[in-house]
Structures are given as C-alpha cells and as structure tokens.
Protein backbone atom coordinates (compact mmCIF):
# COMPACT_ATOMS: atom_id res chain seq x y z
CA MET A 1 0.00 0.00 0.00
CA ILE A 2 1.38 3.41 -0.98
CA ARG A 3 1.64 5.73 2.03
CA VAL A 4 0.63 9.27 1.06
CA GLU A 5 0.85 12.12 3.53
CA MET A 6 0.23 15.87 3.47
CA LEU A 7 2.11 18.68 5.19
CA ALA A 8 0.45 22.10 5.41
CA THR A 9 2.67 25.07 6.23
CA GLY A 10 2.09 28.55 7.59
CA ASP A 11 1.46 30.19 10.95
CA GLU A 12 -2.00 31.29 9.79
CA VAL A 13 -2.98 27.65 9.21
CA LEU A 14 -1.30 26.34 12.35
CA HIS A 15 -2.98 28.92 14.59
CA GLY A 16 -6.44 28.56 13.05
CA GLN A 17 -6.54 32.01 11.47
CA ILE A 18 -7.63 30.40 8.19
CA VAL A 19 -9.42 27.11 7.58
CA ASP A 20 -7.34 24.54 5.71
CA THR A 21 -9.77 23.72 2.92
CA ASN A 22 -6.86 22.50 0.78
CA ALA A 23 -6.35 19.49 3.05
CA ALA A 24 -9.99 18.41 2.85
CA TRP A 25 -9.99 18.79 -0.93
CA LEU A 26 -6.76 16.79 -1.33
CA ALA A 27 -8.01 13.99 0.94
CA GLU A 28 -11.10 13.58 -1.23
CA VAL A 29 -9.15 13.67 -4.50
CA LEU A 30 -6.62 11.13 -3.26
CA PHE A 31 -9.39 8.85 -1.97
CA GLN A 32 -11.15 8.93 -5.34
CA ASN A 33 -7.89 7.94 -7.03
CA GLY A 34 -7.24 4.95 -4.80
CA LEU A 35 -4.69 6.75 -2.61
CA PRO A 36 -6.35 7.39 0.76
CA MET A 37 -4.32 9.86 2.81
CA ALA A 38 -2.47 8.12 5.64
CA SER A 39 -1.84 11.23 7.75
CA ARG A 40 -1.63 15.00 7.63
CA GLN A 41 0.35 17.50 9.65
CA THR A 42 0.67 21.27 9.97
CA VAL A 43 3.81 23.23 10.77
CA GLY A 44 4.33 26.98 11.14
CA ASP A 45 6.78 29.35 9.46
CA ASN A 46 9.83 28.03 11.26
CA LEU A 47 12.79 26.92 9.14
CA ALA A 48 14.30 24.46 11.62
CA GLU A 49 10.91 22.86 12.28
CA LEU A 50 10.21 22.55 8.56
CA VAL A 51 13.56 20.87 7.92
CA ASN A 52 12.99 18.46 10.81
CA VAL A 53 9.50 17.50 9.67
CA LEU A 54 10.56 17.00 6.04
CA THR A 55 13.43 14.78 7.14
CA GLU A 56 11.27 12.78 9.54
CA ARG A 57 8.34 12.20 7.15
CA SER A 58 10.67 11.36 4.25
CA LYS A 59 11.72 8.27 6.19
CA VAL A 60 8.12 7.09 6.63
CA ALA A 61 5.97 8.20 3.68
CA ASP A 62 6.21 7.10 0.07
CA VAL A 63 4.68 10.38 -1.10
CA LEU A 64 4.49 13.69 0.78
CA ILE A 65 2.56 16.66 -0.60
CA VAL A 66 3.67 19.94 0.97
CA ASN A 67 1.28 22.86 0.67
CA GLY A 68 2.23 26.52 1.10
CA GLY A 69 5.38 28.54 1.67
CA LEU A 70 6.28 29.26 -1.99
CA GLY A 71 5.45 32.97 -2.01
CA PRO A 72 7.82 35.94 -2.37
CA THR A 73 7.97 37.04 1.28
CA SER A 74 10.42 36.24 4.08
CA ASP A 75 8.03 33.86 5.84
CA ASP A 76 7.77 31.63 2.73
CA LEU A 77 10.35 29.01 3.61
CA SER A 78 9.42 25.77 1.83
CA ALA A 79 12.05 25.91 -0.93
CA LEU A 80 14.85 26.77 1.49
CA ALA A 81 13.72 24.06 3.93
CA ALA A 82 13.64 21.49 1.14
CA ALA A 83 17.16 22.42 0.04
CA LYS A 84 18.51 22.19 3.60
CA ALA A 85 16.81 18.83 4.18
CA ALA A 86 18.31 17.50 0.96
CA GLY A 87 21.74 18.99 1.68
CA VAL A 88 21.84 21.09 -1.50
CA GLY A 89 21.65 24.78 -2.39
CA LEU A 90 18.97 26.79 -4.13
CA VAL A 91 19.37 27.51 -7.86
CA LEU A 92 17.62 30.10 -9.98
CA HIS A 93 15.38 28.53 -12.61
CA GLU A 94 15.89 30.95 -15.50
CA GLU A 95 12.98 29.59 -17.55
CA TRP A 96 10.53 30.20 -14.71
CA LEU A 97 11.98 33.65 -14.02
CA ALA A 98 11.34 34.62 -17.64
CA LYS A 99 7.80 33.30 -17.39
CA MET A 100 7.14 35.36 -14.26
CA GLU A 101 8.51 38.52 -15.88
CA ALA A 102 6.24 37.94 -18.88
CA PHE A 103 3.31 37.34 -16.51
CA PHE A 104 3.74 40.76 -14.91
CA ALA A 105 4.55 42.53 -18.18
CA GLY A 106 1.36 41.17 -19.72
CA ARG A 107 -0.55 42.95 -16.97
CA GLY A 108 1.33 46.21 -17.43
CA ARG A 109 3.34 45.81 -14.23
CA LYS A 110 7.00 45.51 -13.35
CA MET A 111 7.91 42.43 -11.37
CA ALA A 112 9.18 43.21 -7.86
CA ASP A 113 12.66 41.96 -7.01
CA SER A 114 11.18 39.87 -4.20
CA ASN A 115 9.38 37.69 -6.77
CA ARG A 116 12.73 36.34 -8.02
CA LYS A 117 12.66 34.12 -4.95
CA GLN A 118 9.77 32.18 -6.49
CA ALA A 119 12.06 30.97 -9.27
CA GLU A 120 14.59 29.48 -6.83
CA ILE A 121 14.26 25.74 -6.24
CA PRO A 122 16.61 23.13 -4.72
CA ALA A 123 19.44 21.93 -6.97
CA GLY A 124 18.37 18.76 -8.76
CA ALA A 125 14.65 19.31 -8.10
CA GLU A 126 12.08 18.79 -10.84
CA MET A 127 10.07 21.93 -11.55
CA LEU A 128 6.26 21.63 -11.59
CA ASP A 129 4.40 24.04 -13.84
CA ASN A 130 1.86 26.50 -12.42
CA PRO A 131 -0.27 27.80 -15.30
CA VAL A 132 -2.37 30.12 -13.12
CA GLY A 133 0.12 31.81 -10.78
CA THR A 134 3.69 32.99 -10.23
CA ALA A 135 4.91 30.28 -7.83
CA CYS A 136 6.26 27.21 -9.56
CA GLY A 137 6.13 23.95 -7.69
CA PHE A 138 8.86 21.36 -7.55
CA ALA A 139 9.52 17.76 -6.56
CA ILE A 140 12.49 16.18 -4.82
CA GLU A 141 13.35 12.67 -3.68
CA LEU A 142 14.55 12.42 -0.10
CA ASN A 143 15.27 9.14 1.67
CA ARG A 144 12.38 6.83 0.67
CA CYS A 145 9.98 9.65 -0.19
CA TRP A 146 8.88 11.56 -3.28
CA ILE A 147 8.06 15.06 -2.01
CA PHE A 148 5.94 17.54 -3.97
CA PHE A 149 5.88 21.23 -3.06
CA THR A 150 2.81 23.27 -4.02
CA PRO A 151 1.59 26.86 -3.49
CA GLY A 152 -1.04 27.56 -0.86
CA VAL A 153 -3.43 29.52 -3.11
CA PRO A 154 -6.28 27.02 -3.64
CA SER A 155 -6.81 27.73 -7.34
CA GLU A 156 -3.10 27.22 -8.07
CA TYR A 157 -2.74 24.26 -5.75
CA LYS A 158 -5.69 22.33 -7.21
CA VAL A 159 -4.49 22.77 -10.79
CA MET A 160 -1.02 21.59 -9.80
CA VAL A 161 -2.32 18.49 -8.02
CA GLU A 162 -4.56 17.53 -10.93
CA GLN A 163 -2.21 18.37 -13.80
CA GLN A 164 1.25 17.80 -12.35
CA ILE A 165 1.16 15.48 -9.34
CA LEU A 166 -1.54 12.89 -10.01
CA PRO A 167 -0.25 12.08 -13.53
CA ARG A 168 3.25 11.50 -12.11
CA LEU A 169 1.92 9.24 -9.36
CA LYS A 170 -0.08 7.21 -11.87
CA THR A 171 3.02 6.80 -14.04
CA ARG A 172 5.28 5.58 -11.23
CA PHE A 173 2.86 3.54 -9.11
CA SER A 174 0.31 0.87 -9.90
CA LEU A 175 -2.64 2.44 -8.13
CA PRO A 176 -5.29 0.22 -6.53
CA GLU A 177 -8.95 0.47 -7.44
CA PRO A 178 -10.46 3.35 -5.44
CA PRO A 179 -12.28 2.34 -2.25
CA VAL A 180 -16.06 2.54 -2.19
CA CYS A 181 -17.68 5.30 -0.14
CA LEU A 182 -21.49 5.33 0.09
CA ARG A 183 -22.92 8.51 1.61
CA MET A 184 -26.32 9.57 2.87
CA THR A 185 -27.39 12.84 4.48
CA THR A 186 -30.34 12.83 6.86
CA PHE A 187 -32.35 15.52 8.61
CA GLY A 188 -34.65 15.28 11.62
CA ARG A 189 -33.17 12.29 13.45
CA GLY A 190 -30.32 12.26 15.95
CA GLU A 191 -27.01 10.48 15.50
CA SER A 192 -27.58 8.12 18.44
CA ASP A 193 -31.11 7.36 17.24
CA LEU A 194 -29.86 6.24 13.81
CA ALA A 195 -26.85 4.41 15.24
CA SER A 196 -29.01 2.40 17.67
CA GLU A 197 -30.73 0.74 14.70
CA ILE A 198 -27.75 0.51 12.34
CA GLU A 199 -25.04 -0.72 14.73
CA PRO A 200 -26.62 -4.16 15.39
CA LEU A 201 -26.46 -4.98 11.65
CA PRO A 202 -23.50 -7.24 10.71
CA LEU A 203 -20.97 -5.30 8.62
CA PRO A 204 -19.19 -6.92 5.66
CA GLU A 205 -15.56 -7.76 6.40
CA GLY A 206 -13.20 -4.80 6.02
CA VAL A 207 -16.07 -2.28 5.86
CA VAL A 208 -16.53 0.64 8.28
CA MET A 209 -19.75 2.51 9.08
CA GLY A 210 -19.25 6.16 10.01
CA TYR A 211 -21.40 8.99 11.33
CA ARG A 212 -20.83 12.74 11.14
CA ALA A 213 -23.04 15.20 12.98
CA SER A 214 -23.00 18.73 11.58
CA MET A 215 -25.96 20.80 12.69
CA PRO A 216 -28.57 20.40 11.32
CA ILE A 217 -27.76 17.18 9.42
CA ILE A 218 -26.35 13.73 10.13
CA GLU A 219 -24.16 12.22 7.41
CA LEU A 220 -23.88 8.43 7.20
CA LYS A 221 -20.87 6.93 5.40
CA LEU A 222 -20.03 3.35 4.52
CA ASN A 223 -16.38 2.87 3.52
CA GLY A 224 -14.80 -0.30 2.23
CA PRO A 225 -12.70 -1.94 -0.49
CA ALA A 226 -14.05 -2.14 -4.03
CA SER A 227 -14.00 -5.95 -3.75
CA ARG A 228 -16.82 -5.67 -1.17
CA ARG A 229 -19.08 -3.42 -3.24
CA ARG A 230 -21.88 -5.99 -3.62
CA GLU A 231 -22.06 -6.73 0.11
CA MET A 232 -21.82 -3.01 0.87
CA GLU A 233 -24.77 -2.20 -1.40
CA GLN A 234 -26.85 -4.91 0.29
CA PHE A 235 -25.97 -3.46 3.70
CA TRP A 236 -26.68 0.07 2.42
CA GLN A 237 -30.21 -0.91 1.43
CA GLN A 238 -30.86 -1.77 5.07
CA VAL A 239 -29.49 1.65 6.07
CA ARG A 240 -31.88 3.29 3.58
CA GLU A 241 -34.82 1.51 5.16
CA ILE A 242 -33.76 2.59 8.66
CA ALA A 243 -33.19 6.24 7.65
CA GLY A 244 -36.53 6.29 5.83
CA GLU A 245 -38.03 9.71 5.24
CA SER A 246 -35.24 11.42 7.13
CA THR A 247 -33.01 10.91 4.06
CA ILE A 248 -32.39 14.23 2.32
CA PHE A 249 -30.03 13.01 -0.39
CA GLU A 250 -27.44 10.38 -1.20
CA GLY A 251 -23.98 11.07 -2.57
CA THR A 252 -22.51 14.56 -2.42
CA GLU A 253 -24.99 16.58 -4.47
CA GLY A 254 -26.30 18.68 -1.58
CA LEU A 255 -29.90 19.77 -0.95
CA PRO A 256 -29.79 23.17 -2.74
CA ALA A 257 -28.27 21.48 -5.81
CA GLN A 258 -30.88 18.72 -5.69
CA ILE A 259 -33.69 21.26 -5.53
CA SER A 260 -32.17 23.30 -8.34
CA ARG A 261 -32.02 20.18 -10.52
CA ARG A 262 -35.59 19.14 -9.68
CA LEU A 263 -36.95 22.63 -10.37
CA LYS A 264 -35.31 22.63 -13.80
CA GLU A 265 -36.52 19.11 -14.57
CA LYS A 266 -40.10 20.16 -13.83
CA GLY A 267 -39.84 23.60 -15.45
CA TYR A 268 -40.64 25.49 -12.26
CA SER A 269 -39.39 28.87 -11.10
CA LEU A 270 -39.12 29.87 -7.44
CA ALA A 271 -39.60 33.04 -5.41
CA VAL A 272 -38.31 33.29 -1.83
CA SER A 273 -39.24 35.62 1.03
CA GLU A 274 -37.23 35.50 4.25
CA GLN A 275 -37.26 37.00 7.69
CA PHE A 276 -35.31 34.87 10.19
CA THR A 277 -32.91 33.36 7.62
CA ALA A 278 -31.98 36.86 6.39
CA GLY A 279 -31.16 35.88 2.78
CA LEU A 280 -29.47 32.54 3.56
CA LEU A 281 -32.01 30.56 1.53
CA GLN A 282 -31.59 32.78 -1.52
CA TRP A 283 -27.80 32.58 -1.26
CA GLN A 284 -27.86 28.77 -1.02
CA LEU A 285 -30.21 28.41 -3.98
CA ALA A 286 -28.48 31.04 -6.13
CA SER A 287 -25.14 29.31 -5.47
CA ALA A 288 -26.70 26.13 -6.87
CA ASP A 289 -27.99 28.02 -9.94
CA ALA A 290 -31.62 27.48 -9.02
CA PRO A 291 -34.21 29.20 -11.29
CA LEU A 292 -35.12 32.07 -8.94
CA LYS A 293 -37.74 34.55 -10.07
CA ALA A 294 -37.96 36.98 -7.16
CA GLY A 295 -36.99 37.34 -3.56
CA ASN A 296 -36.94 39.64 -0.59
CA VAL A 297 -35.64 39.86 2.98
CA LEU A 298 -38.03 41.46 5.44
CA PRO A 299 -37.74 42.61 9.07
CA THR A 300 -39.34 40.36 11.67
CA ARG A 301 -43.07 40.86 12.11
CA ALA A 302 -45.85 38.85 13.68
CA GLU A 303 -47.80 36.80 11.13
CA THR A 304 -50.32 34.00 11.41
CA LEU A 305 -50.07 30.94 9.18
CA SER A 306 -52.99 32.28 7.17
CA GLU A 307 -51.12 35.55 6.61
CA LEU A 308 -47.97 33.66 5.55
CA ILE A 309 -49.99 31.73 2.98
CA LYS A 310 -51.59 34.91 1.64
CA ARG A 311 -48.15 36.52 1.35
CA SER A 312 -46.82 33.51 -0.55
CA GLN A 313 -49.75 33.64 -2.94
CA GLN A 314 -49.29 37.37 -3.52
CA LEU A 315 -45.57 36.93 -4.17
CA ALA A 316 -46.36 34.21 -6.72
CA ALA A 317 -48.68 36.58 -8.56
CA ASP A 318 -46.36 39.60 -8.37
CA GLY A 319 -43.18 37.69 -9.23
CA ASP A 320 -44.68 35.38 -11.87
CA ALA A 321 -43.20 32.39 -10.02
CA SER A 322 -44.44 28.79 -10.09
CA LEU A 323 -43.49 28.20 -6.45
CA VAL A 324 -42.95 30.42 -3.43
CA LEU A 325 -41.13 29.61 -0.21
CA VAL A 326 -41.65 31.91 2.81
CA VAL A 327 -39.75 31.92 6.11
CA GLY A 328 -41.27 34.01 8.88
CA GLY A 329 -39.69 35.53 11.96
CA VAL A 330 -39.32 34.16 15.49
CA GLN A 331 -42.15 35.20 17.79
CA ASP A 332 -42.31 33.79 21.34
CA GLU A 333 -40.05 30.87 20.34
CA HIS A 334 -42.31 29.99 17.40
CA LEU A 335 -41.52 30.35 13.71
CA GLY A 336 -43.73 29.89 10.64
CA PHE A 337 -43.10 28.66 7.09
CA ALA A 338 -45.25 28.70 3.98
CA LEU A 339 -44.99 26.96 0.62
CA HIS A 340 -47.17 27.94 -2.33
CA THR A 341 -47.45 25.59 -5.32
CA PRO A 342 -49.77 25.13 -8.33
CA GLU A 343 -51.48 22.36 -6.30
CA GLY A 344 -52.13 24.46 -3.22
CA SER A 345 -50.44 26.16 -0.28
CA TRP A 346 -49.08 24.78 2.98
CA ALA A 347 -47.95 26.49 6.17
CA GLN A 348 -46.63 25.20 9.47
CA LYS A 349 -45.45 26.65 12.75
CA VAL A 350 -42.64 25.08 14.80
CA LYS A 351 -41.53 25.47 18.40
CA PHE A 352 -38.08 26.97 18.20
CA ASN A 353 -35.72 27.20 21.18
CA ILE A 354 -33.86 30.45 20.47
CA ASN A 355 -31.28 29.83 23.22
CA ARG A 356 -30.22 26.29 22.34
CA HIS A 357 -27.74 27.09 19.57
CA GLY A 358 -25.92 30.09 18.08
CA LEU A 359 -27.61 32.26 15.46
CA LYS A 360 -25.87 30.65 12.49
CA ALA A 361 -26.81 27.13 13.60
CA ARG A 362 -30.45 28.21 14.11
CA GLN A 363 -30.55 29.82 10.69
CA ASP A 364 -29.07 26.67 9.14
CA VAL A 365 -31.78 24.55 10.78
CA VAL A 366 -34.55 26.84 9.56
CA ALA A 367 -33.13 27.00 6.03
CA MET A 368 -32.87 23.21 5.94
CA MET A 369 -36.46 22.82 7.13
CA ALA A 370 -37.74 25.24 4.48
CA LEU A 371 -35.80 23.49 1.73
CA ASN A 372 -37.02 20.14 3.04
CA MET A 373 -40.63 21.27 2.69
CA LEU A 374 -39.95 22.14 -0.92
CA ARG A 375 -38.00 18.93 -1.54
CA ARG A 376 -40.81 16.80 -0.16
CA TRP A 377 -43.40 18.50 -2.36
CA LEU A 378 -41.22 18.19 -5.47
CA ASN A 379 -40.84 14.46 -4.76
CA GLY A 380 -44.56 13.87 -4.18
CA MET A 381 -44.27 13.45 -0.40
CA GLU A 382 -46.37 14.81 2.46
CA VAL A 383 -45.18 18.37 3.07
CA SER A 384 -45.96 18.81 6.77
CA THR A 385 -44.24 15.71 8.17
CA GLY A 386 -40.73 14.27 8.19
CA HIS A 387 -39.18 16.84 10.51
CA GLY A 388 -38.15 14.41 13.23
CA TRP A 389 -37.06 16.13 16.45
CA ILE A 390 -38.47 19.50 15.33
CA ASP A 391 -41.74 20.17 17.15
CA VAL A 392 -44.46 21.15 14.63
CA VAL A 393 -47.22 22.79 16.67
CA GLU A 394 -49.61 23.97 13.94
CA THR A 395 -50.22 23.30 10.25
CA LEU A 396 -52.55 24.87 7.70
CA GLN A 397 -53.37 24.10 4.09
CA GLY A 398 -54.96 26.69 1.85
C-alpha cells in the first residue's frame, strides 16, 4: 500500500486564522484515485521545524505533498527548507523567471525583485508548472519519499495536483482500485437514534460505518474496499430503510443542488421571502444556480399561518413564479413557514428554542427545514411531516 501524507505550512494555518480547505480537498481527490491519505500535519513558518518534519516524514511516507510557503515574502520558507533537508543549495530557474517577468509585463506591471525568490528551487529538483500563478512547484526525492511542493493559493494548488502530481503518481505507481464510499445525508433524526438501529447490523468484512453530525444534518458513510461493493450495497439498502423519510439526499450533491435540478426538470421557477434566515435561503439556492424569479428579505413581524400563505400567494402573482417559499420571523419561540405551489399552499409553525444554539446554527436549521418542505413537495411526499425532532405545533393548508 502506498503511504501518502500531506504537510500544510504557515502560521496562519497552524494557529487557526484560516481554515485549511486544501487538506480536505486533497483527501477527497486522493481517496477517489485509490490513494487514501495516511496522515496529515501542519507546521508553522519556522525553518528548523520545517527541515525536521521534512526529514522525519521522508523516512516514513512514500509520497508527501507539501502545501504553502512558496510565495515571495520572508516567511515563505518551503524551498529553502527542502534544500537544507536534501543537503543542497537553491538555484535560480531561469525559464521560470522569464515566465514570471512575462506574466507581470502582460498585466502592465514591473515584477518586484522579491518575486525572483519564487524561481529558486533546490538543486536537482524537478520543476512543476503553475499555469495560473507565479509560484512554480517542484519535486524532490529524499530518503524513501517523493516530495511535492505546491503553493497555498487554492486555485493554483488544485491545478497543480490535478495536472502535475496525479499524472506523475499514476506513471510511477500501480494504483489500486479506489475504495467505495457510500454517503447519505439525513435531517430530523439524531445520531444516536440512527446508530441504535444501524449498529446491530452485521458489517461486511473490512467495511466501516461512520457517522458525522454537523448541525442540522447527520451524514452516514459506509467505507470499504471495491471488492466488497456488492455486500456493501446490500448493507446500504438496510441503512436506507432505517433512515426512511429522514433521508435528504445520497452522494454529495447537496440539498440546494438537488432542488435546483428538480426545479429545472419540472420547469418550475421559485420566489423566496425571508425574515429569520436573512437571505441565507436565496444565497444557497443562487449558489446552486436554481431558477429564482424573485426574492426579498423582510424585518421580523408577527404573522399567522394564514397571513404567511396569503403573502406567498401574492408573491407568486407579483413575481410570476411557479413556487414560493416563505420563512417568517421568530415570535415567542415559534416560527412559521409557507410553501405555495400550483397544487395548493401549505404552512406550518414550529416550536423553536432560540437559546439552544448560536444564530448561524439556528438559521441553518430553519433553512434546511424550508428546503425540506420544498423537496418533499417536489418528490410527491407529504409536506408537513418528516421533521423528526423539530416540534411542529400547527399546520394549515390553503
């Protein structure tokens, strides 16, 4: 088995000042290519520490992907650390220097002297092209390990992994068939509730069942070798039956993307009016390229379910929309929703504990519930059920 590791660099990553989305993206890409990441580590902008970690991991890993530290400033130390670990000096890569100068000239700017540093790589290293930025990557072999150095900018890093690193790994190594990962996202049931029914089921050999709670959803994952796919799919059918109507989607599509796809399939347009979610619904749907007709964000005001339905119907007429989704405001720990469709209108009020979670988590829950109402209607399901632990105290159909 090929041991692949990742090393992220930078004080801002180490101290949590930025979220390391590059690591999550790389882990998924490697997994899909049959190279599940064995471990990952983060180190700050400290030359001695970088040299020590590179030396240590090069004696353990077959492949190490180093992310960050290739910029033009004094705290960008990856190239120097790599050279010291390998016992060589840095050399100026004239071809890359010329490319950088052309890059700046093409934008009507003079390249700063500090950028020359980005063309310096360890002697004997293989340069890796960066078609979208000024920092070239490079690869060295140290002890038993093939080490790749990449820039931290996500757009540059992802292109380099896909176009420079993965092709090299596939050329050198005989990669195994990617593992199987079956995913399901549920809403309305707790993690322990689902686990109490799933855990007694006998798992296929070498297969692992995982759970991830991320308010307001629970993600179920079944991981195993490709050779166990048939047994895994049989097991997964049992999981489907247990999850039942709490299942929001399978795979990685996401609920806004699913709704966007279903709206387009049916030729519907959607208008959205929000109070408590303050534009979150419209942002989620617009990000998924949903066919939105109109929308507004209103200040909180007291409204009955009948008034929410009337407002949804009026917005449908004014905005020429097939469907309308309305989120009301919180009043005395209660919050109302309304959904208007060509087949009728539905509204429901839920008991909402405003002190249980932070504002963002509460808005996420409310957005998910609103989208779930719409999803259920689009899929021919009962609109006012399927909310699990959420306490629905009143419903109205008009």
